Amino acid sequence: MIPSRIPRRPVKSSNLKQVGYDPLTQDLVIEFHSGTMYLYKAIPTVVHTDLMAAKSKGKFFNEVIRNRFLALPVSKV
């Protein structure tokens, strides 16, 4: 399932390719340059805002999001 209702936009990062966020459901979708995509649940809006403002989005992801929120793999169709 691809959370297609969440628009994604490209980001400048050596690790992250695209990021999308739905503030109503607090769902964060991240597509990585490796081709994998994950849906992160219960992400506070401030975390998404800080991710998008981070100079190093990959570092921010690793320090703040990775292994701290529920991550569900998303299949691309």
N, C-alpha and C. Protein backbone atom coordinates (compact mmCIF):
# COMPACT_ATOMS: atom_id res chain seq x y z
N MET A 1 0.85 -1.19 0.00
CA MET A 1 0.00 0.00 0.00
C MET A 1 0.88 1.24 0.00
N ILE A 2 0.64 2.13 -0.91
CA ILE A 2 1.32 3.43 -0.92
C ILE A 2 0.35 4.47 -0.37
N PRO A 3 0.75 5.19 0.67
CA PRO A 3 -0.13 6.23 1.19
C PRO A 3 -0.19 7.40 0.20
N SER A 4 -0.86 7.19 -0.91
CA SER A 4 -0.90 8.17 -1.99
C SER A 4 -1.62 9.45 -1.61
N ARG A 5 -2.39 9.40 -0.58
CA ARG A 5 -3.10 10.61 -0.15
C ARG A 5 -2.15 11.61 0.49
N ILE A 6 -0.93 11.18 0.80
CA ILE A 6 0.06 12.07 1.40
C ILE A 6 1.02 12.53 0.30
N PRO A 7 0.90 13.77 -0.13
CA PRO A 7 1.83 14.25 -1.16
C PRO A 7 3.26 14.29 -0.61
N ARG A 8 4.19 13.85 -1.45
CA ARG A 8 5.60 13.87 -1.07
C ARG A 8 6.33 14.90 -1.92
N ARG A 9 7.41 15.41 -1.35
CA ARG A 9 8.23 16.34 -2.13
C ARG A 9 9.70 15.95 -1.99
N PRO A 10 10.46 16.17 -3.02
CA PRO A 10 11.88 15.84 -2.97
C PRO A 10 12.61 16.70 -1.95
N VAL A 11 13.63 16.10 -1.34
CA VAL A 11 14.46 16.83 -0.38
C VAL A 11 15.93 16.65 -0.76
N LYS A 12 16.74 17.61 -0.35
CA LYS A 12 18.19 17.51 -0.59
C LYS A 12 18.79 16.73 0.57
N SER A 13 19.18 15.50 0.27
CA SER A 13 19.75 14.62 1.27
C SER A 13 20.45 13.48 0.56
N SER A 14 21.53 12.99 1.14
CA SER A 14 22.20 11.84 0.55
C SER A 14 21.49 10.54 0.90
N ASN A 15 20.57 10.57 1.86
CA ASN A 15 19.86 9.37 2.30
C ASN A 15 18.37 9.42 1.97
N LEU A 16 17.73 10.55 2.23
CA LEU A 16 16.29 10.69 2.01
C LEU A 16 16.04 11.27 0.62
N LYS A 17 15.07 10.68 -0.08
CA LYS A 17 14.74 11.15 -1.42
C LYS A 17 13.51 12.06 -1.41
N GLN A 18 12.43 11.59 -0.75
CA GLN A 18 11.18 12.36 -0.69
C GLN A 18 10.58 12.22 0.70
N VAL A 19 9.88 13.28 1.11
CA VAL A 19 9.22 13.29 2.42
C VAL A 19 7.81 13.82 2.24
N GLY A 20 6.87 13.17 2.90
CA GLY A 20 5.48 13.63 2.92
C GLY A 20 4.94 13.56 4.33
N TYR A 21 3.98 14.42 4.64
CA TYR A 21 3.44 14.46 6.00
C TYR A 21 1.97 14.83 5.97
N ASP A 22 1.18 14.13 6.79
CA ASP A 22 -0.24 14.45 6.95
C ASP A 22 -0.44 14.89 8.40
N PRO A 23 -0.65 16.19 8.64
CA PRO A 23 -0.79 16.67 10.02
C PRO A 23 -2.04 16.16 10.72
N LEU A 24 -3.06 15.78 9.97
CA LEU A 24 -4.29 15.28 10.60
C LEU A 24 -4.09 13.90 11.21
N THR A 25 -3.37 13.04 10.51
CA THR A 25 -3.13 11.68 11.01
C THR A 25 -1.76 11.54 11.66
N GLN A 26 -0.92 12.54 11.49
CA GLN A 26 0.46 12.55 11.97
C GLN A 26 1.26 11.40 11.36
N ASP A 27 0.97 11.11 10.09
CA ASP A 27 1.70 10.10 9.33
C ASP A 27 2.81 10.79 8.54
N LEU A 28 4.00 10.24 8.62
CA LEU A 28 5.15 10.73 7.88
C LEU A 28 5.60 9.64 6.92
N VAL A 29 5.74 9.98 5.66
CA VAL A 29 6.20 9.03 4.65
C VAL A 29 7.58 9.47 4.19
N ILE A 30 8.53 8.54 4.23
CA ILE A 30 9.87 8.84 3.75
C ILE A 30 10.26 7.80 2.72
N GLU A 31 10.67 8.29 1.55
CA GLU A 31 11.25 7.43 0.53
C GLU A 31 12.75 7.70 0.55
N PHE A 32 13.52 6.62 0.59
CA PHE A 32 14.97 6.70 0.65
C PHE A 32 15.56 6.51 -0.74
N HIS A 33 16.77 6.98 -0.93
CA HIS A 33 17.44 6.81 -2.22
C HIS A 33 17.64 5.34 -2.56
N SER A 34 17.63 4.48 -1.55
CA SER A 34 17.78 3.04 -1.78
C SER A 34 16.54 2.44 -2.46
N GLY A 35 15.45 3.21 -2.48
CA GLY A 35 14.22 2.73 -3.08
C GLY A 35 13.19 2.27 -2.06
N THR A 36 13.60 2.10 -0.81
CA THR A 36 12.64 1.70 0.21
C THR A 36 11.82 2.90 0.67
N MET A 37 10.63 2.59 1.17
CA MET A 37 9.73 3.64 1.65
C MET A 37 9.10 3.16 2.95
N TYR A 38 9.01 4.08 3.92
CA TYR A 38 8.42 3.74 5.21
C TYR A 38 7.38 4.79 5.59
N LEU A 39 6.36 4.30 6.30
CA LEU A 39 5.34 5.15 6.88
C LEU A 39 5.60 5.18 8.38
N TYR A 40 5.84 6.35 8.92
CA TYR A 40 6.09 6.52 10.35
C TYR A 40 4.83 7.09 10.98
N LYS A 41 4.39 6.47 12.07
CA LYS A 41 3.13 6.81 12.71
C LYS A 41 3.36 7.72 13.93
N ALA A 42 2.37 8.56 14.20
CA ALA A 42 2.33 9.42 15.40
C ALA A 42 3.53 10.36 15.48
N ILE A 43 3.84 10.99 14.35
CA ILE A 43 4.94 11.95 14.30
C ILE A 43 4.37 13.35 14.59
N PRO A 44 4.78 13.97 15.68
CA PRO A 44 4.29 15.32 15.97
C PRO A 44 4.67 16.30 14.85
N THR A 45 3.82 17.27 14.62
CA THR A 45 4.05 18.25 13.56
C THR A 45 5.41 18.93 13.73
N VAL A 46 5.80 19.22 14.95
CA VAL A 46 7.07 19.89 15.19
C VAL A 46 8.24 19.03 14.70
N VAL A 47 8.13 17.72 14.79
CA VAL A 47 9.21 16.84 14.32
C VAL A 47 9.32 16.95 12.80
N HIS A 48 8.18 16.95 12.11
CA HIS A 48 8.20 17.11 10.65
C HIS A 48 8.78 18.47 10.27
N THR A 49 8.33 19.51 10.94
CA THR A 49 8.83 20.86 10.66
C THR A 49 10.33 20.94 10.87
N ASP A 50 10.80 20.37 11.96
CA ASP A 50 12.24 20.39 12.24
C ASP A 50 13.02 19.55 11.23
N LEU A 51 12.47 18.43 10.81
CA LEU A 51 13.11 17.60 9.78
C LEU A 51 13.29 18.40 8.50
N MET A 52 12.24 19.06 8.06
CA MET A 52 12.30 19.80 6.80
C MET A 52 13.24 21.01 6.90
N ALA A 53 13.44 21.54 8.10
CA ALA A 53 14.32 22.69 8.29
C ALA A 53 15.76 22.29 8.58
N ALA A 54 15.98 21.02 8.85
CA ALA A 54 17.32 20.56 9.24
C ALA A 54 18.32 20.72 8.09
N LYS A 55 19.52 21.15 8.42
CA LYS A 55 20.56 21.27 7.41
C LYS A 55 20.93 19.89 6.89
N SER A 56 21.00 18.90 7.79
CA SER A 56 21.25 17.51 7.40
C SER A 56 20.02 16.69 7.76
N LYS A 57 19.19 16.44 6.77
CA LYS A 57 17.97 15.70 7.01
C LYS A 57 18.25 14.25 7.41
N GLY A 58 19.29 13.66 6.84
CA GLY A 58 19.65 12.29 7.19
C GLY A 58 20.09 12.17 8.64
N LYS A 59 20.89 13.12 9.10
CA LYS A 59 21.34 13.13 10.49
C LYS A 59 20.15 13.33 11.43
N PHE A 60 19.27 14.27 11.09
CA PHE A 60 18.09 14.52 11.90
C PHE A 60 17.23 13.26 11.97
N PHE A 61 17.02 12.62 10.81
CA PHE A 61 16.23 11.39 10.77
C PHE A 61 16.83 10.34 11.71
N ASN A 62 18.15 10.12 11.60
CA ASN A 62 18.80 9.10 12.42
C ASN A 62 18.75 9.41 13.91
N GLU A 63 18.84 10.67 14.27
CA GLU A 63 18.88 11.05 15.69
C GLU A 63 17.51 11.20 16.33
N VAL A 64 16.50 11.58 15.54
CA VAL A 64 15.21 11.92 16.14
C VAL A 64 14.09 10.94 15.78
N ILE A 65 14.11 10.38 14.58
CA ILE A 65 12.99 9.57 14.11
C ILE A 65 13.29 8.06 14.11
N ARG A 66 14.41 7.69 13.52
CA ARG A 66 14.75 6.28 13.36
C ARG A 66 14.77 5.55 14.70
N ASN A 67 14.11 4.40 14.74
CA ASN A 67 14.01 3.54 15.93
C ASN A 67 13.31 4.19 17.12
N ARG A 68 12.62 5.31 16.89
CA ARG A 68 11.89 5.96 17.97
C ARG A 68 10.39 6.04 17.73
N PHE A 69 9.99 5.81 16.47
CA PHE A 69 8.58 5.82 16.11
C PHE A 69 8.25 4.53 15.36
N LEU A 70 6.98 4.14 15.41
CA LEU A 70 6.54 2.97 14.67
C LEU A 70 6.76 3.20 13.17
N ALA A 71 7.48 2.27 12.54
CA ALA A 71 7.79 2.37 11.12
C ALA A 71 7.19 1.17 10.40
N LEU A 72 6.39 1.45 9.37
CA LEU A 72 5.78 0.40 8.57
C LEU A 72 6.32 0.47 7.17
N PRO A 73 6.87 -0.65 6.66
CA PRO A 73 7.35 -0.62 5.26
C PRO A 73 6.18 -0.44 4.31
N VAL A 74 6.43 0.31 3.25
CA VAL A 74 5.41 0.58 2.25
C VAL A 74 5.85 -0.04 0.94
N SER A 75 4.96 -0.81 0.34
CA SER A 75 5.26 -1.41 -0.97
C SER A 75 4.93 -0.42 -2.06
N LYS A 76 5.85 -0.26 -3.00
CA LYS A 76 5.58 0.57 -4.16
C LYS A 76 4.85 -0.25 -5.20
N VAL A 77 3.81 0.33 -5.76
CA VAL A 77 3.05 -0.38 -6.80
C VAL A 77 3.12 0.39 -8.08
